[in-house]
Amino acid sequence: PGFPRTLGQAKALDGICELDLVISLNIPFETLKDRLSARWVHPASGRVYNMDFNPPHTQGVDDLTGEPLVQREEDRPEAVAARLRKYKDAAKPVIELYKSRGILHSFSGTETNKIWPYVYTLLSSRIPPILSEEEH
């Protein structure tokens, strides 16, 4: 989840700056739940593994020490599902606020490399390129 996450945060942000572009990434609930639930940690060092993207060499044990990995309570599938539902409820008015202002741009998908080109194109159309000293 990004920022702002709540209507209160959005209103506080209004006091600091005026937004002209807001990006919302719509990722399916099950995809988010699976990714967050795939996180395991080595408690002594804080090393984090993801069973999909950065798994340990041997399942269930830390690469450096061979000690067991644990899944934090907040990363268990049931806890992740509850956190995602709570986030969605809190974020809905924020999304509606920016949609009503005409500054919300939503992108849907499950893979960064497929969503990023569309986000990049939008940002490139809104932000002028930075020229080096030689190009001035």
Protein backbone atom coordinates (compact mmCIF):
# COMPACT_ATOMS: atom_id res chain seq x y z
CA PRO A 1 0.00 0.00 0.00
CA GLY A 2 1.12 3.47 -0.79
CA PHE A 3 0.28 6.89 0.56
CA PRO A 4 -2.11 8.36 1.45
CA ARG A 5 -3.94 5.34 2.85
CA THR A 6 -6.79 7.13 4.62
CA LEU A 7 -8.98 10.16 4.02
CA GLY A 8 -7.35 11.87 7.01
CA GLN A 9 -3.91 11.40 5.45
CA ALA A 10 -5.21 12.68 2.10
CA LYS A 11 -6.55 15.84 3.74
CA ALA A 12 -3.29 16.37 5.62
CA LEU A 13 -1.40 15.99 2.33
CA ASP A 14 -3.66 18.65 0.79
CA GLY A 15 -2.29 21.06 3.39
CA ILE A 16 1.26 20.44 2.25
CA CYS A 17 0.98 20.28 -1.53
CA GLU A 18 -1.44 20.18 -4.43
CA LEU A 19 -1.47 16.87 -6.24
CA ASP A 20 -1.98 16.81 -9.98
CA LEU A 21 -1.52 13.08 -10.53
CA VAL A 22 -2.42 10.03 -8.43
CA ILE A 23 -1.68 6.47 -9.49
CA SER A 24 -3.69 3.51 -8.24
CA LEU A 25 -2.42 0.00 -8.90
CA ASN A 26 -5.26 -2.53 -8.88
CA ILE A 27 -3.90 -5.97 -8.11
CA PRO A 28 -6.27 -8.89 -7.51
CA PHE A 29 -6.92 -9.71 -3.85
CA GLU A 30 -5.71 -13.31 -4.21
CA THR A 31 -2.44 -12.20 -5.85
CA LEU A 32 -1.71 -9.79 -3.00
CA LYS A 33 -2.64 -12.36 -0.37
CA ASP A 34 -0.42 -15.00 -1.96
CA ARG A 35 2.57 -12.65 -2.29
CA LEU A 36 2.35 -11.32 1.26
CA SER A 37 1.78 -14.80 2.68
CA ALA A 38 4.93 -16.07 0.94
CA ARG A 39 7.15 -13.99 3.27
CA TRP A 40 9.27 -15.86 5.85
CA VAL A 41 11.98 -14.44 8.13
CA HIS A 42 15.06 -15.48 10.04
CA PRO A 43 14.27 -13.98 13.47
CA ALA A 44 17.84 -13.58 14.72
CA SER A 45 19.09 -11.57 11.73
CA GLY A 46 15.88 -10.16 10.27
CA ARG A 47 16.70 -11.64 6.84
CA VAL A 48 13.51 -11.86 4.79
CA TYR A 49 12.78 -14.52 2.21
CA ASN A 50 9.91 -14.72 -0.24
CA MET A 51 9.05 -18.24 -1.32
CA ASP A 52 8.15 -17.01 -4.81
CA PHE A 53 10.79 -14.37 -5.57
CA ASN A 54 13.68 -14.89 -3.13
CA PRO A 55 13.43 -18.39 -1.63
CA PRO A 56 16.10 -19.85 0.67
CA HIS A 57 18.45 -22.44 -0.85
CA THR A 58 16.88 -25.08 1.40
CA GLN A 59 13.19 -24.72 2.12
CA GLY A 60 12.43 -23.53 5.62
CA VAL A 61 15.96 -22.68 6.73
CA ASP A 62 18.16 -19.57 6.64
CA ASP A 63 20.86 -19.61 3.95
CA LEU A 64 23.66 -18.43 6.26
CA THR A 65 22.94 -20.15 9.56
CA GLY A 66 20.76 -23.13 8.65
CA GLU A 67 18.37 -22.07 11.43
CA PRO A 68 14.61 -22.38 10.91
CA LEU A 69 12.64 -19.60 9.26
CA VAL A 70 9.35 -18.43 10.74
CA GLN A 71 6.29 -16.77 9.34
CA ARG A 72 5.23 -13.73 11.34
CA GLU A 73 1.63 -13.72 12.58
CA GLU A 74 0.77 -10.72 10.37
CA ASP A 75 2.04 -12.63 7.29
CA ARG A 76 -0.19 -15.69 7.79
CA PRO A 77 -2.85 -15.96 5.06
CA GLU A 78 -5.79 -15.25 7.38
CA ALA A 79 -4.10 -12.16 8.86
CA VAL A 80 -3.08 -10.90 5.41
CA ALA A 81 -6.67 -11.28 4.15
CA ALA A 82 -7.98 -9.27 7.13
CA ARG A 83 -5.33 -6.56 6.61
CA LEU A 84 -6.17 -6.28 2.91
CA ARG A 85 -9.91 -5.97 3.61
CA LYS A 86 -9.24 -3.25 6.20
CA TYR A 87 -6.95 -1.41 3.77
CA LYS A 88 -9.52 -1.59 0.95
CA ASP A 89 -12.23 -0.14 3.20
CA ALA A 90 -9.98 2.72 4.35
CA ALA A 91 -8.64 3.44 0.84
CA LYS A 92 -12.00 3.53 -0.95
CA PRO A 93 -12.85 7.14 0.05
CA VAL A 94 -9.31 8.22 -0.88
CA ILE A 95 -9.72 6.69 -4.35
CA GLU A 96 -13.12 8.37 -4.73
CA LEU A 97 -11.67 11.75 -3.67
CA TYR A 98 -8.95 11.67 -6.30
CA LYS A 99 -11.32 10.27 -8.92
CA SER A 100 -13.70 13.21 -8.28
CA ARG A 101 -10.80 15.63 -8.79
CA GLY A 102 -9.98 14.02 -12.13
CA ILE A 103 -6.40 13.22 -11.16
CA LEU A 104 -6.68 9.46 -10.54
CA HIS A 105 -5.09 7.08 -13.04
CA SER A 106 -5.68 3.37 -12.39
CA PHE A 107 -3.69 0.45 -13.72
CA SER A 108 -4.61 -3.21 -13.28
CA GLY A 109 -2.53 -6.35 -13.47
CA THR A 110 -0.52 -8.91 -11.57
CA GLU A 111 3.01 -8.37 -12.88
CA THR A 112 5.17 -5.28 -12.49
CA ASN A 113 6.86 -5.71 -15.87
CA LYS A 114 3.45 -5.65 -17.57
CA ILE A 115 2.04 -2.67 -15.64
CA TRP A 116 5.18 -0.52 -15.57
CA PRO A 117 5.27 0.42 -19.30
CA TYR A 118 1.81 2.00 -18.97
CA VAL A 119 2.76 3.85 -15.78
CA TYR A 120 6.01 5.01 -17.40
CA THR A 121 4.16 6.30 -20.46
CA LEU A 122 1.79 8.31 -18.25
CA LEU A 123 4.61 9.75 -16.16
CA SER A 124 6.68 10.53 -19.24
CA SER A 125 3.78 12.51 -20.71
CA ARG A 126 3.49 14.58 -17.51
CA ILE A 127 7.10 15.10 -16.44
CA PRO A 128 9.50 16.85 -18.81
CA PRO A 129 12.81 15.06 -19.33
CA ILE A 130 15.77 16.27 -17.29
CA LEU A 131 18.47 17.55 -19.60
CA SER A 132 22.13 17.24 -18.72
CA GLU A 133 24.37 20.33 -18.73
CA GLU A 134 25.71 19.39 -22.17
CA GLU A 135 22.18 19.31 -23.63
CA HIS A 136 21.27 22.87 -22.50
